[in-house]
Amino acid sequence: MAVYSLEGVIPVVDATSFIHPLAALIGDVVIGPHCYIGPGAALRGDLGRIVIGTGSNVQDNCVLHTFPGKAVVLEENAHIGHGAVLHGCVVRRDALVGINAIVMDDAVVSEQSLVGAGSFVRAGFVVPARTLVLGAPARVIRELSAQELEWKATGTREYQELAARCLRTLKECEPLRSPEPQRKAFGPGTLTPLNTLERTR
């Protein structure tokens, strides 16, 4: 991983967390236990603090940053999808920010809520607990079902397991020139795409 101190402030990473070698951590970044930080993620604690709570994941190409003296806080089991941008906001426990979503300064993504892919959460907006918000600007669509909440929890557990798998087995290597016979395939796991759920109310 690319880890940089700034003015003597050194990032902190719990030993049980996995940070991809192509991720960048700068300055005042604190990552708790059992977290996953994906390739291309940039956590820039060069103006304010970034705190990643236990069991959270920040996926590929996400950007986390803030204004001077402010913080980005992800509480326990926060789930940040590919390419999301978080600036000076708080994501409460068990919440999910979808792929390519943007969450702006002083916004709060409340517990067990879901920000849909590609949404824009404006500065200061509070996403109510256990709701789905969508759009640009994001607006509340509806409450989440128990099935959707379990889907999110399952996805976060998958990333916690991925962090452990990567700590055990990920290593840089040379590519093969052709697939080997009976090439190993990863199992289906327990997670299916959200759009395949039958919604129950």
N, C-alpha and C. Protein backbone atom coordinates (compact mmCIF):
# COMPACT_ATOMS: atom_id res chain seq x y z
N MET A 1 0.84 -1.19 0.00
CA MET A 1 0.00 0.00 0.00
C MET A 1 0.88 1.24 0.00
N ALA A 2 0.35 2.32 -0.54
CA ALA A 2 1.06 3.59 -0.54
C ALA A 2 0.61 4.38 0.69
N VAL A 3 1.48 4.45 1.68
CA VAL A 3 1.15 5.11 2.95
C VAL A 3 2.12 6.27 3.14
N TYR A 4 1.56 7.45 3.39
CA TYR A 4 2.39 8.65 3.49
C TYR A 4 2.09 9.38 4.79
N SER A 5 3.14 9.71 5.54
CA SER A 5 2.97 10.62 6.67
C SER A 5 2.97 12.04 6.14
N LEU A 6 2.32 12.92 6.86
CA LEU A 6 2.28 14.33 6.49
C LEU A 6 2.47 15.15 7.75
N GLU A 7 3.53 15.94 7.78
CA GLU A 7 3.87 16.75 8.95
C GLU A 7 3.90 15.90 10.21
N GLY A 8 4.41 14.69 10.07
CA GLY A 8 4.58 13.79 11.20
C GLY A 8 3.36 12.99 11.57
N VAL A 9 2.22 13.20 10.87
CA VAL A 9 1.00 12.44 11.15
C VAL A 9 0.99 11.20 10.24
N ILE A 10 0.96 10.03 10.87
CA ILE A 10 1.10 8.76 10.15
C ILE A 10 -0.23 8.02 10.16
N PRO A 11 -0.68 7.49 9.01
CA PRO A 11 -1.89 6.68 9.01
C PRO A 11 -1.79 5.49 9.96
N VAL A 12 -2.95 5.07 10.48
CA VAL A 12 -3.04 3.94 11.40
C VAL A 12 -3.92 2.87 10.74
N VAL A 13 -3.42 1.63 10.69
CA VAL A 13 -4.17 0.53 10.09
C VAL A 13 -4.13 -0.65 11.05
N ASP A 14 -5.30 -1.12 11.48
CA ASP A 14 -5.37 -2.30 12.32
C ASP A 14 -4.80 -3.51 11.57
N ALA A 15 -4.15 -4.41 12.29
CA ALA A 15 -3.48 -5.56 11.66
C ALA A 15 -4.45 -6.52 11.00
N THR A 16 -5.74 -6.46 11.36
CA THR A 16 -6.72 -7.38 10.76
C THR A 16 -7.37 -6.80 9.51
N SER A 17 -7.00 -5.59 9.13
CA SER A 17 -7.57 -4.97 7.94
C SER A 17 -6.67 -5.16 6.73
N PHE A 18 -7.30 -5.19 5.55
CA PHE A 18 -6.56 -5.34 4.30
C PHE A 18 -6.65 -4.03 3.52
N ILE A 19 -5.47 -3.52 3.17
CA ILE A 19 -5.36 -2.33 2.33
C ILE A 19 -4.66 -2.77 1.04
N HIS A 20 -5.32 -2.61 -0.09
CA HIS A 20 -4.72 -3.05 -1.35
C HIS A 20 -3.45 -2.25 -1.63
N PRO A 21 -2.44 -2.90 -2.22
CA PRO A 21 -1.18 -2.19 -2.51
C PRO A 21 -1.35 -0.96 -3.38
N LEU A 22 -2.42 -0.87 -4.17
CA LEU A 22 -2.63 0.29 -5.03
C LEU A 22 -3.54 1.35 -4.41
N ALA A 23 -3.90 1.17 -3.15
CA ALA A 23 -4.63 2.22 -2.43
C ALA A 23 -3.64 3.21 -1.84
N ALA A 24 -4.11 4.44 -1.57
CA ALA A 24 -3.24 5.48 -1.00
C ALA A 24 -3.86 6.00 0.29
N LEU A 25 -3.05 6.00 1.35
CA LEU A 25 -3.44 6.56 2.64
C LEU A 25 -2.49 7.71 2.96
N ILE A 26 -3.05 8.88 3.24
CA ILE A 26 -2.22 10.07 3.45
C ILE A 26 -2.60 10.73 4.76
N GLY A 27 -1.63 10.86 5.66
CA GLY A 27 -1.79 11.67 6.86
C GLY A 27 -2.74 11.10 7.89
N ASP A 28 -3.75 11.86 8.28
CA ASP A 28 -4.60 11.55 9.43
C ASP A 28 -5.73 10.60 9.02
N VAL A 29 -5.35 9.34 8.83
CA VAL A 29 -6.29 8.28 8.46
C VAL A 29 -6.19 7.20 9.54
N VAL A 30 -7.35 6.78 10.07
CA VAL A 30 -7.38 5.75 11.09
C VAL A 30 -8.35 4.66 10.62
N ILE A 31 -7.81 3.45 10.42
CA ILE A 31 -8.60 2.33 9.92
C ILE A 31 -8.69 1.27 11.01
N GLY A 32 -9.92 0.94 11.41
CA GLY A 32 -10.15 -0.02 12.48
C GLY A 32 -10.05 -1.45 12.01
N PRO A 33 -10.49 -2.40 12.83
CA PRO A 33 -10.34 -3.83 12.53
C PRO A 33 -11.26 -4.32 11.41
N HIS A 34 -10.79 -5.35 10.71
CA HIS A 34 -11.59 -6.13 9.76
C HIS A 34 -12.16 -5.29 8.62
N CYS A 35 -11.39 -4.30 8.17
CA CYS A 35 -11.81 -3.45 7.07
C CYS A 35 -11.16 -3.89 5.76
N TYR A 36 -11.78 -3.50 4.65
CA TYR A 36 -11.24 -3.74 3.32
C TYR A 36 -11.17 -2.41 2.60
N ILE A 37 -9.97 -2.08 2.06
CA ILE A 37 -9.78 -0.87 1.26
C ILE A 37 -9.28 -1.33 -0.11
N GLY A 38 -10.03 -1.04 -1.16
CA GLY A 38 -9.78 -1.61 -2.47
C GLY A 38 -8.72 -0.87 -3.28
N PRO A 39 -8.34 -1.46 -4.43
CA PRO A 39 -7.35 -0.84 -5.30
C PRO A 39 -7.82 0.51 -5.83
N GLY A 40 -6.91 1.46 -5.86
CA GLY A 40 -7.23 2.78 -6.39
C GLY A 40 -7.95 3.70 -5.42
N ALA A 41 -8.31 3.21 -4.24
CA ALA A 41 -8.96 4.08 -3.26
C ALA A 41 -7.95 5.10 -2.74
N ALA A 42 -8.41 6.35 -2.58
CA ALA A 42 -7.56 7.42 -2.06
C ALA A 42 -8.21 7.98 -0.81
N LEU A 43 -7.55 7.81 0.33
CA LEU A 43 -8.02 8.33 1.61
C LEU A 43 -7.06 9.45 2.01
N ARG A 44 -7.49 10.68 1.75
CA ARG A 44 -6.61 11.84 1.91
C ARG A 44 -6.89 12.56 3.21
N GLY A 45 -6.15 12.18 4.25
CA GLY A 45 -6.24 12.86 5.53
C GLY A 45 -5.22 13.97 5.61
N ASP A 46 -5.19 14.82 4.58
CA ASP A 46 -4.19 15.89 4.53
C ASP A 46 -4.72 17.23 5.02
N LEU A 47 -6.03 17.34 5.17
CA LEU A 47 -6.64 18.55 5.73
C LEU A 47 -7.44 18.25 6.99
N GLY A 48 -8.14 17.12 7.00
CA GLY A 48 -8.93 16.70 8.14
C GLY A 48 -8.82 15.19 8.29
N ARG A 49 -9.42 14.67 9.35
CA ARG A 49 -9.28 13.25 9.71
C ARG A 49 -10.26 12.38 8.92
N ILE A 50 -9.81 11.14 8.62
CA ILE A 50 -10.66 10.11 8.03
C ILE A 50 -10.63 8.92 8.97
N VAL A 51 -11.83 8.49 9.42
CA VAL A 51 -11.94 7.37 10.36
C VAL A 51 -12.79 6.29 9.71
N ILE A 52 -12.24 5.08 9.62
CA ILE A 52 -12.94 3.94 9.04
C ILE A 52 -13.23 2.95 10.15
N GLY A 53 -14.52 2.75 10.47
CA GLY A 53 -14.91 1.92 11.60
C GLY A 53 -14.82 0.44 11.32
N THR A 54 -14.89 -0.34 12.36
CA THR A 54 -14.76 -1.80 12.33
C THR A 54 -15.66 -2.42 11.26
N GLY A 55 -15.07 -3.29 10.44
CA GLY A 55 -15.83 -4.07 9.48
C GLY A 55 -16.28 -3.32 8.24
N SER A 56 -15.83 -2.10 8.07
CA SER A 56 -16.25 -1.31 6.91
C SER A 56 -15.44 -1.65 5.68
N ASN A 57 -15.99 -1.31 4.51
CA ASN A 57 -15.22 -1.47 3.27
C ASN A 57 -15.34 -0.21 2.43
N VAL A 58 -14.22 0.11 1.76
CA VAL A 58 -14.13 1.23 0.82
C VAL A 58 -13.58 0.62 -0.47
N GLN A 59 -14.41 0.54 -1.49
CA GLN A 59 -14.07 -0.26 -2.66
C GLN A 59 -13.23 0.52 -3.67
N ASP A 60 -12.94 -0.11 -4.80
CA ASP A 60 -12.02 0.42 -5.80
C ASP A 60 -12.36 1.85 -6.21
N ASN A 61 -11.32 2.67 -6.32
CA ASN A 61 -11.39 4.02 -6.90
C ASN A 61 -12.28 4.99 -6.14
N CYS A 62 -12.55 4.72 -4.87
CA CYS A 62 -13.26 5.69 -4.04
C CYS A 62 -12.31 6.81 -3.62
N VAL A 63 -12.88 7.99 -3.37
CA VAL A 63 -12.11 9.12 -2.85
C VAL A 63 -12.77 9.59 -1.57
N LEU A 64 -11.98 9.69 -0.50
CA LEU A 64 -12.45 10.23 0.78
C LEU A 64 -11.58 11.42 1.12
N HIS A 65 -12.22 12.59 1.36
CA HIS A 65 -11.49 13.81 1.64
C HIS A 65 -12.40 14.75 2.41
N THR A 66 -11.85 15.85 2.94
CA THR A 66 -12.66 16.79 3.70
C THR A 66 -11.98 18.15 3.75
N PHE A 67 -12.70 19.14 4.30
CA PHE A 67 -12.15 20.48 4.50
C PHE A 67 -11.29 20.52 5.76
N PRO A 68 -10.46 21.55 5.91
CA PRO A 68 -9.62 21.65 7.11
C PRO A 68 -10.44 21.61 8.40
N GLY A 69 -9.96 20.79 9.34
CA GLY A 69 -10.59 20.68 10.64
C GLY A 69 -11.86 19.85 10.67
N LYS A 70 -12.29 19.32 9.53
CA LYS A 70 -13.48 18.48 9.45
C LYS A 70 -13.04 17.02 9.38
N ALA A 71 -14.02 16.11 9.32
CA ALA A 71 -13.69 14.69 9.27
C ALA A 71 -14.65 13.96 8.33
N VAL A 72 -14.18 12.85 7.81
CA VAL A 72 -15.04 11.84 7.18
C VAL A 72 -15.05 10.67 8.16
N VAL A 73 -16.25 10.23 8.54
CA VAL A 73 -16.38 9.13 9.50
C VAL A 73 -17.27 8.05 8.91
N LEU A 74 -16.74 6.84 8.86
CA LEU A 74 -17.53 5.66 8.53
C LEU A 74 -17.68 4.86 9.82
N GLU A 75 -18.90 4.68 10.27
CA GLU A 75 -19.12 3.88 11.47
C GLU A 75 -19.07 2.39 11.12
N GLU A 76 -19.29 1.57 12.12
CA GLU A 76 -19.16 0.12 11.98
C GLU A 76 -19.99 -0.42 10.81
N ASN A 77 -19.34 -1.27 10.02
CA ASN A 77 -19.98 -1.98 8.90
C ASN A 77 -20.52 -1.07 7.81
N ALA A 78 -19.93 0.13 7.66
CA ALA A 78 -20.28 0.97 6.52
C ALA A 78 -19.76 0.31 5.24
N HIS A 79 -20.49 0.51 4.15
CA HIS A 79 -20.21 -0.19 2.90
C HIS A 79 -20.20 0.85 1.78
N ILE A 80 -19.04 1.09 1.18
CA ILE A 80 -18.88 2.17 0.21
C ILE A 80 -18.55 1.56 -1.15
N GLY A 81 -19.48 1.70 -2.10
CA GLY A 81 -19.37 1.04 -3.40
C GLY A 81 -18.32 1.66 -4.31
N HIS A 82 -18.00 0.93 -5.37
CA HIS A 82 -16.95 1.31 -6.32
C HIS A 82 -17.12 2.75 -6.81
N GLY A 83 -16.04 3.50 -6.77
CA GLY A 83 -16.01 4.82 -7.36
C GLY A 83 -16.77 5.91 -6.62
N ALA A 84 -17.23 5.63 -5.41
CA ALA A 84 -17.96 6.66 -4.65
C ALA A 84 -17.00 7.75 -4.17
N VAL A 85 -17.54 8.96 -3.99
CA VAL A 85 -16.78 10.09 -3.46
C VAL A 85 -17.47 10.57 -2.19
N LEU A 86 -16.72 10.61 -1.10
CA LEU A 86 -17.24 11.10 0.18
C LEU A 86 -16.42 12.31 0.59
N HIS A 87 -17.09 13.42 0.89
CA HIS A 87 -16.37 14.63 1.28
C HIS A 87 -16.97 15.20 2.54
N GLY A 88 -16.25 15.12 3.64
CA GLY A 88 -16.65 15.76 4.89
C GLY A 88 -17.97 15.29 5.44
N CYS A 89 -18.29 14.01 5.28
CA CYS A 89 -19.61 13.49 5.67
C CYS A 89 -19.46 12.36 6.68
N VAL A 90 -20.62 11.90 7.18
CA VAL A 90 -20.67 10.78 8.11
C VAL A 90 -21.55 9.70 7.52
N VAL A 91 -21.07 8.47 7.54
CA VAL A 91 -21.85 7.31 7.14
C VAL A 91 -22.01 6.45 8.39
N ARG A 92 -23.24 6.36 8.88
CA ARG A 92 -23.52 5.66 10.13
C ARG A 92 -23.44 4.14 9.95
N ARG A 93 -23.54 3.43 11.07
CA ARG A 93 -23.34 1.99 11.08
C ARG A 93 -24.32 1.29 10.14
N ASP A 94 -23.82 0.28 9.46
CA ASP A 94 -24.61 -0.59 8.60
C ASP A 94 -25.25 0.12 7.42
N ALA A 95 -24.77 1.29 7.04
CA ALA A 95 -25.30 2.00 5.87
C ALA A 95 -24.48 1.65 4.64
N LEU A 96 -25.08 1.87 3.46
CA LEU A 96 -24.42 1.58 2.19
C LEU A 96 -24.50 2.80 1.29
N VAL A 97 -23.36 3.14 0.69
CA VAL A 97 -23.30 4.19 -0.34
C VAL A 97 -22.99 3.47 -1.64
N GLY A 98 -23.88 3.61 -2.62
CA GLY A 98 -23.79 2.83 -3.85
C GLY A 98 -22.69 3.28 -4.81
N ILE A 99 -22.53 2.50 -5.85
CA ILE A 99 -21.50 2.71 -6.86
C ILE A 99 -21.62 4.11 -7.46
N ASN A 100 -20.49 4.82 -7.51
CA ASN A 100 -20.38 6.16 -8.12
C ASN A 100 -21.28 7.21 -7.48
N ALA A 101 -21.74 6.97 -6.27
CA ALA A 101 -22.52 8.00 -5.57
C ALA A 101 -21.56 9.06 -5.00
N ILE A 102 -22.09 10.24 -4.75
CA ILE A 102 -21.33 11.35 -4.16
C ILE A 102 -22.08 11.80 -2.91
N VAL A 103 -21.36 11.90 -1.79
CA VAL A 103 -21.94 12.37 -0.54
C VAL A 103 -21.11 13.58 -0.08
N MET A 104 -21.78 14.72 0.06
CA MET A 104 -21.08 15.98 0.29
C MET A 104 -20.97 16.35 1.78
N ASP A 105 -20.36 17.50 2.02
CA ASP A 105 -19.98 17.96 3.35
C ASP A 105 -21.18 18.09 4.29
N ASP A 106 -20.97 17.65 5.52
CA ASP A 106 -21.96 17.72 6.60
C ASP A 106 -23.22 16.91 6.32
N ALA A 107 -23.22 16.09 5.27
CA ALA A 107 -24.32 15.15 5.07
C ALA A 107 -24.14 13.99 6.04
N VAL A 108 -25.26 13.37 6.40
CA VAL A 108 -25.25 12.19 7.26
C VAL A 108 -26.07 11.11 6.58
N VAL A 109 -25.43 9.97 6.35
CA VAL A 109 -26.12 8.80 5.84
C VAL A 109 -26.44 7.96 7.07
N SER A 110 -27.70 7.99 7.51
CA SER A 110 -28.06 7.40 8.79
C SER A 110 -28.01 5.88 8.76
N GLU A 111 -28.11 5.27 9.93
CA GLU A 111 -27.89 3.84 10.08
C GLU A 111 -28.84 3.03 9.21
N GLN A 112 -28.29 1.99 8.63
CA GLN A 112 -29.00 1.01 7.81
C GLN A 112 -29.71 1.64 6.62
N SER A 113 -29.24 2.80 6.17
CA SER A 113 -29.83 3.40 4.97
C SER A 113 -28.99 3.05 3.75
N LEU A 114 -29.56 3.33 2.58
CA LEU A 114 -28.90 2.97 1.32
C LEU A 114 -28.99 4.15 0.36
N VAL A 115 -27.83 4.62 -0.08
CA VAL A 115 -27.75 5.65 -1.11
C VAL A 115 -27.56 4.94 -2.44
N GLY A 116 -28.51 5.08 -3.35
CA GLY A 116 -28.47 4.36 -4.61
C GLY A 116 -27.30 4.76 -5.50
N ALA A 117 -26.92 3.85 -6.38
CA ALA A 117 -25.81 4.07 -7.30
C ALA A 117 -26.03 5.36 -8.10
N GLY A 118 -24.96 6.13 -8.24
CA GLY A 118 -24.99 7.34 -9.04
C GLY A 118 -25.71 8.52 -8.42
N SER A 119 -26.12 8.41 -7.17
CA SER A 119 -26.87 9.50 -6.52
C SER A 119 -25.94 10.60 -6.02
N PHE A 120 -26.51 11.79 -5.83
CA PHE A 120 -25.79 12.93 -5.30
C PHE A 120 -26.48 13.38 -4.03
N VAL A 121 -25.81 13.20 -2.89
CA VAL A 121 -26.35 13.62 -1.59
C VAL A 121 -25.76 14.99 -1.28
N ARG A 122 -26.63 16.00 -1.31
CA ARG A 122 -26.16 17.38 -1.19
C ARG A 122 -25.65 17.68 0.22
N ALA A 123 -24.86 18.74 0.35
CA ALA A 123 -24.28 19.15 1.62
C ALA A 123 -25.38 19.35 2.66
N GLY A 124 -25.16 18.79 3.84
CA GLY A 124 -26.06 18.99 4.97
C GLY A 124 -27.29 18.10 4.97
N PHE A 125 -27.51 17.31 3.92
CA PHE A 125 -28.70 16.46 3.85
C PHE A 125 -28.55 15.29 4.81
N VAL A 126 -29.63 14.95 5.51
CA VAL A 126 -29.63 13.79 6.40
C VAL A 126 -30.50 12.71 5.78
N VAL A 127 -29.89 11.59 5.43
CA VAL A 127 -30.62 10.44 4.91
C VAL A 127 -31.25 9.74 6.10
N PRO A 128 -32.58 9.61 6.15
CA PRO A 128 -33.20 8.96 7.31
C PRO A 128 -32.80 7.50 7.44
N ALA A 129 -32.80 7.01 8.65
CA ALA A 129 -32.43 5.61 8.91
C ALA A 129 -33.35 4.66 8.15
N ARG A 130 -32.75 3.58 7.67
CA ARG A 130 -33.47 2.48 7.01
C ARG A 130 -34.32 2.92 5.83
N THR A 131 -33.80 3.91 5.08
CA THR A 131 -34.49 4.34 3.85
C THR A 131 -33.57 4.20 2.65
N LEU A 132 -34.19 4.19 1.48
CA LEU A 132 -33.48 4.25 0.20
C LEU A 132 -33.59 5.66 -0.33
N VAL A 133 -32.45 6.26 -0.68
CA VAL A 133 -32.47 7.55 -1.37
C VAL A 133 -31.84 7.37 -2.74
N LEU A 134 -32.39 8.10 -3.72
CA LEU A 134 -31.92 8.02 -5.11
C LEU A 134 -31.98 9.39 -5.74
N GLY A 135 -31.14 9.59 -6.76
CA GLY A 135 -31.26 10.76 -7.61
C GLY A 135 -30.20 11.80 -7.37
N ALA A 136 -30.31 12.87 -8.20
CA ALA A 136 -29.37 13.98 -8.12
C ALA A 136 -30.17 15.28 -8.22
N PRO A 137 -30.50 15.91 -7.09
CA PRO A 137 -30.10 15.52 -5.74
C PRO A 137 -30.89 14.32 -5.24
N ALA A 138 -30.30 13.60 -4.28
CA ALA A 138 -30.95 12.42 -3.72
C ALA A 138 -32.20 12.83 -2.95
N ARG A 139 -33.24 11.99 -3.08
CA ARG A 139 -34.46 12.19 -2.30
C ARG A 139 -34.90 10.83 -1.76
N VAL A 140 -35.66 10.88 -0.69
CA VAL A 140 -36.12 9.65 -0.07
C VAL A 140 -37.15 8.99 -0.98
N ILE A 141 -36.93 7.71 -1.29
CA ILE A 141 -37.85 6.95 -2.13
C ILE A 141 -38.82 6.14 -1.27
N ARG A 142 -38.28 5.44 -0.27
CA ARG A 142 -39.12 4.58 0.56
C ARG A 142 -38.28 4.00 1.69
N GLU A 143 -38.95 3.32 2.61
CA GLU A 143 -38.25 2.55 3.64
C GLU A 143 -37.71 1.27 3.04
N LEU A 144 -36.63 0.76 3.62
CA LEU A 144 -36.05 -0.50 3.17
C LEU A 144 -36.76 -1.67 3.84
N SER A 145 -36.86 -2.76 3.11
CA SER A 145 -37.48 -3.97 3.66
C SER A 145 -36.47 -4.74 4.50
N ALA A 146 -36.96 -5.65 5.32
CA ALA A 146 -36.09 -6.52 6.11
C ALA A 146 -35.19 -7.33 5.19
N GLN A 147 -35.72 -7.76 4.04
CA GLN A 147 -34.93 -8.53 3.08
C GLN A 147 -33.78 -7.70 2.52
N GLU A 148 -34.04 -6.42 2.22
CA GLU A 148 -32.99 -5.55 1.71
C GLU A 148 -31.93 -5.26 2.77
N LEU A 149 -32.36 -5.10 4.01
CA LEU A 149 -31.39 -4.88 5.09
C LEU A 149 -30.49 -6.10 5.27
N GLU A 150 -31.06 -7.28 5.16
CA GLU A 150 -30.26 -8.50 5.26
C GLU A 150 -29.33 -8.64 4.07
N TRP A 151 -29.80 -8.24 2.88
CA TRP A 151 -28.94 -8.26 1.68
C TRP A 151 -27.71 -7.39 1.90
N LYS A 152 -27.92 -6.20 2.45
CA LYS A 152 -26.79 -5.30 2.70
C LYS A 152 -25.83 -5.92 3.71
N ALA A 153 -26.36 -6.48 4.80
CA ALA A 153 -25.51 -7.09 5.84
C ALA A 153 -24.71 -8.24 5.26
N THR A 154 -25.32 -9.03 4.38
CA THR A 154 -24.62 -10.15 3.73
C THR A 154 -23.47 -9.63 2.87
N GLY A 155 -23.73 -8.57 2.11
CA GLY A 155 -22.68 -7.99 1.26
C GLY A 155 -21.50 -7.48 2.07
N THR A 156 -21.78 -6.86 3.20
CA THR A 156 -20.70 -6.36 4.05
C THR A 156 -19.89 -7.51 4.64
N ARG A 157 -20.58 -8.59 5.04
CA ARG A 157 -19.85 -9.77 5.53
C ARG A 157 -18.96 -10.35 4.45
N GLU A 158 -19.43 -10.35 3.20
CA GLU A 158 -18.60 -10.84 2.08
C GLU A 158 -17.29 -10.05 2.00
N TYR A 159 -17.37 -8.73 2.19
CA TYR A 159 -16.16 -7.91 2.13
C TYR A 159 -15.27 -8.12 3.35
N GLN A 160 -15.85 -8.39 4.50
CA GLN A 160 -15.03 -8.71 5.66
C GLN A 160 -14.27 -10.02 5.43
N GLU A 161 -14.96 -11.00 4.83
CA GLU A 161 -14.30 -12.26 4.49
C GLU A 161 -13.25 -12.05 3.41
N LEU A 162 -13.54 -11.16 2.44
CA LEU A 162 -12.55 -10.87 1.39
C LEU A 162 -11.29 -10.26 1.98
N ALA A 163 -11.44 -9.38 2.97
CA ALA A 163 -10.27 -8.80 3.63
C ALA A 163 -9.39 -9.89 4.23
N ALA A 164 -10.02 -10.85 4.92
CA ALA A 164 -9.27 -11.95 5.52
C ALA A 164 -8.62 -12.82 4.45
N ARG A 165 -9.35 -13.11 3.37
CA ARG A 165 -8.79 -13.91 2.27
C ARG A 165 -7.58 -13.23 1.65
N CYS A 166 -7.70 -11.91 1.44
CA CYS A 166 -6.59 -11.17 0.84
C CYS A 166 -5.37 -11.14 1.76
N LEU A 167 -5.61 -10.95 3.06
CA LEU A 167 -4.48 -10.97 3.99
C LEU A 167 -3.74 -12.31 3.94
N ARG A 168 -4.50 -13.39 3.77
CA ARG A 168 -3.90 -14.73 3.75
C ARG A 168 -3.21 -15.06 2.43
N THR A 169 -3.80 -14.66 1.29
CA THR A 169 -3.36 -15.26 0.02
C THR A 169 -3.01 -14.30 -1.10
N LEU A 170 -3.39 -13.02 -1.02
CA LEU A 170 -3.10 -12.12 -2.13
C LEU A 170 -1.60 -11.85 -2.23
N LYS A 171 -1.05 -12.04 -3.43
CA LYS A 171 0.36 -11.72 -3.65
C LYS A 171 0.56 -11.34 -5.11
N GLU A 172 1.49 -10.46 -5.32
CA GLU A 172 1.82 -10.06 -6.69
C GLU A 172 2.47 -11.23 -7.40
N CYS A 173 2.15 -11.39 -8.69
CA CYS A 173 2.70 -12.52 -9.44
C CYS A 173 2.78 -12.18 -10.92
N GLU A 174 3.45 -13.04 -11.67
CA GLU A 174 3.48 -12.93 -13.12
C GLU A 174 2.25 -13.64 -13.70
N PRO A 175 1.66 -13.13 -14.78
CA PRO A 175 0.50 -13.80 -15.36
C PRO A 175 0.89 -15.09 -16.07
N LEU A 176 -0.06 -16.02 -16.14
CA LEU A 176 0.11 -17.21 -16.98
C LEU A 176 -0.09 -16.81 -18.44
N ARG A 177 0.44 -17.61 -19.35
CA ARG A 177 0.29 -17.33 -20.78
C ARG A 177 -0.97 -17.96 -21.35
N SER A 178 -1.53 -18.94 -20.64
CA SER A 178 -2.80 -19.54 -21.03
C SER A 178 -3.42 -20.16 -19.79
N PRO A 179 -4.75 -20.35 -19.79
CA PRO A 179 -5.39 -20.94 -18.61
C PRO A 179 -4.93 -22.38 -18.38
N GLU A 180 -4.70 -22.72 -17.12
CA GLU A 180 -4.31 -24.08 -16.79
C GLU A 180 -5.53 -25.00 -16.87
N PRO A 181 -5.32 -26.31 -17.08
CA PRO A 181 -6.46 -27.25 -17.09
C PRO A 181 -7.16 -27.23 -15.73
N GLN A 182 -8.47 -27.35 -15.77
CA GLN A 182 -9.29 -27.38 -14.55
C GLN A 182 -8.99 -26.17 -13.65
N ARG A 183 -8.98 -25.01 -14.28
CA ARG A 183 -8.71 -23.76 -13.57
C ARG A 183 -9.73 -23.55 -12.45
N LYS A 184 -9.24 -23.17 -11.29
CA LYS A 184 -10.10 -22.91 -10.13
C LYS A 184 -11.04 -21.75 -10.43
N ALA A 185 -12.29 -21.89 -10.02
CA ALA A 185 -13.26 -20.80 -10.10
C ALA A 185 -13.73 -20.47 -8.69
N PHE A 186 -13.95 -19.20 -8.42
CA PHE A 186 -14.46 -18.80 -7.12
C PHE A 186 -15.93 -19.18 -7.01
N GLY A 187 -16.34 -19.61 -5.83
CA GLY A 187 -17.71 -20.06 -5.61
C GLY A 187 -18.71 -18.92 -5.72
N PRO A 188 -20.00 -19.28 -5.79
CA PRO A 188 -21.04 -18.26 -5.96
C PRO A 188 -21.26 -17.39 -4.73
N GLY A 189 -20.85 -17.84 -3.55
CA GLY A 189 -21.07 -17.06 -2.34
C GLY A 189 -22.54 -16.99 -1.99
N THR A 190 -22.88 -16.05 -1.12
CA THR A 190 -24.25 -15.95 -0.63
C THR A 190 -24.95 -14.69 -1.10
N LEU A 191 -24.27 -13.86 -1.88
CA LEU A 191 -24.83 -12.57 -2.27
C LEU A 191 -25.31 -12.60 -3.72
N THR A 192 -26.51 -12.08 -3.94
CA THR A 192 -27.04 -11.93 -5.29
C THR A 192 -27.26 -10.45 -5.55
N PRO A 193 -27.37 -10.03 -6.82
CA PRO A 193 -27.62 -8.62 -7.10
C PRO A 193 -28.93 -8.14 -6.46
N LEU A 194 -28.91 -6.90 -6.00
CA LEU A 194 -30.08 -6.34 -5.32
C LEU A 194 -31.32 -6.38 -6.20
N ASN A 195 -31.15 -6.16 -7.49
CA ASN A 195 -32.32 -6.11 -8.38
C ASN A 195 -32.98 -7.47 -8.58
N THR A 196 -32.33 -8.54 -8.09
CA THR A 196 -32.93 -9.87 -8.22
C THR A 196 -33.79 -10.25 -7.02
N LEU A 197 -33.76 -9.43 -5.97
CA LEU A 197 -34.58 -9.71 -4.78
C LEU A 197 -36.06 -9.51 -5.11
N GLU A 198 -36.87 -10.39 -4.57
CA GLU A 198 -38.31 -10.15 -4.61
C GLU A 198 -38.66 -9.31 -3.40
N ARG A 199 -39.12 -8.10 -3.64
CA ARG A 199 -39.38 -7.19 -2.54
C ARG A 199 -40.63 -7.60 -1.79
N THR A 200 -40.46 -7.70 -0.47
CA THR A 200 -41.61 -7.99 0.38
C THR A 200 -41.83 -6.79 1.29
N ARG A 201 -43.06 -6.41 1.49
CA ARG A 201 -43.36 -5.24 2.31
C ARG A 201 -44.14 -5.67 3.54
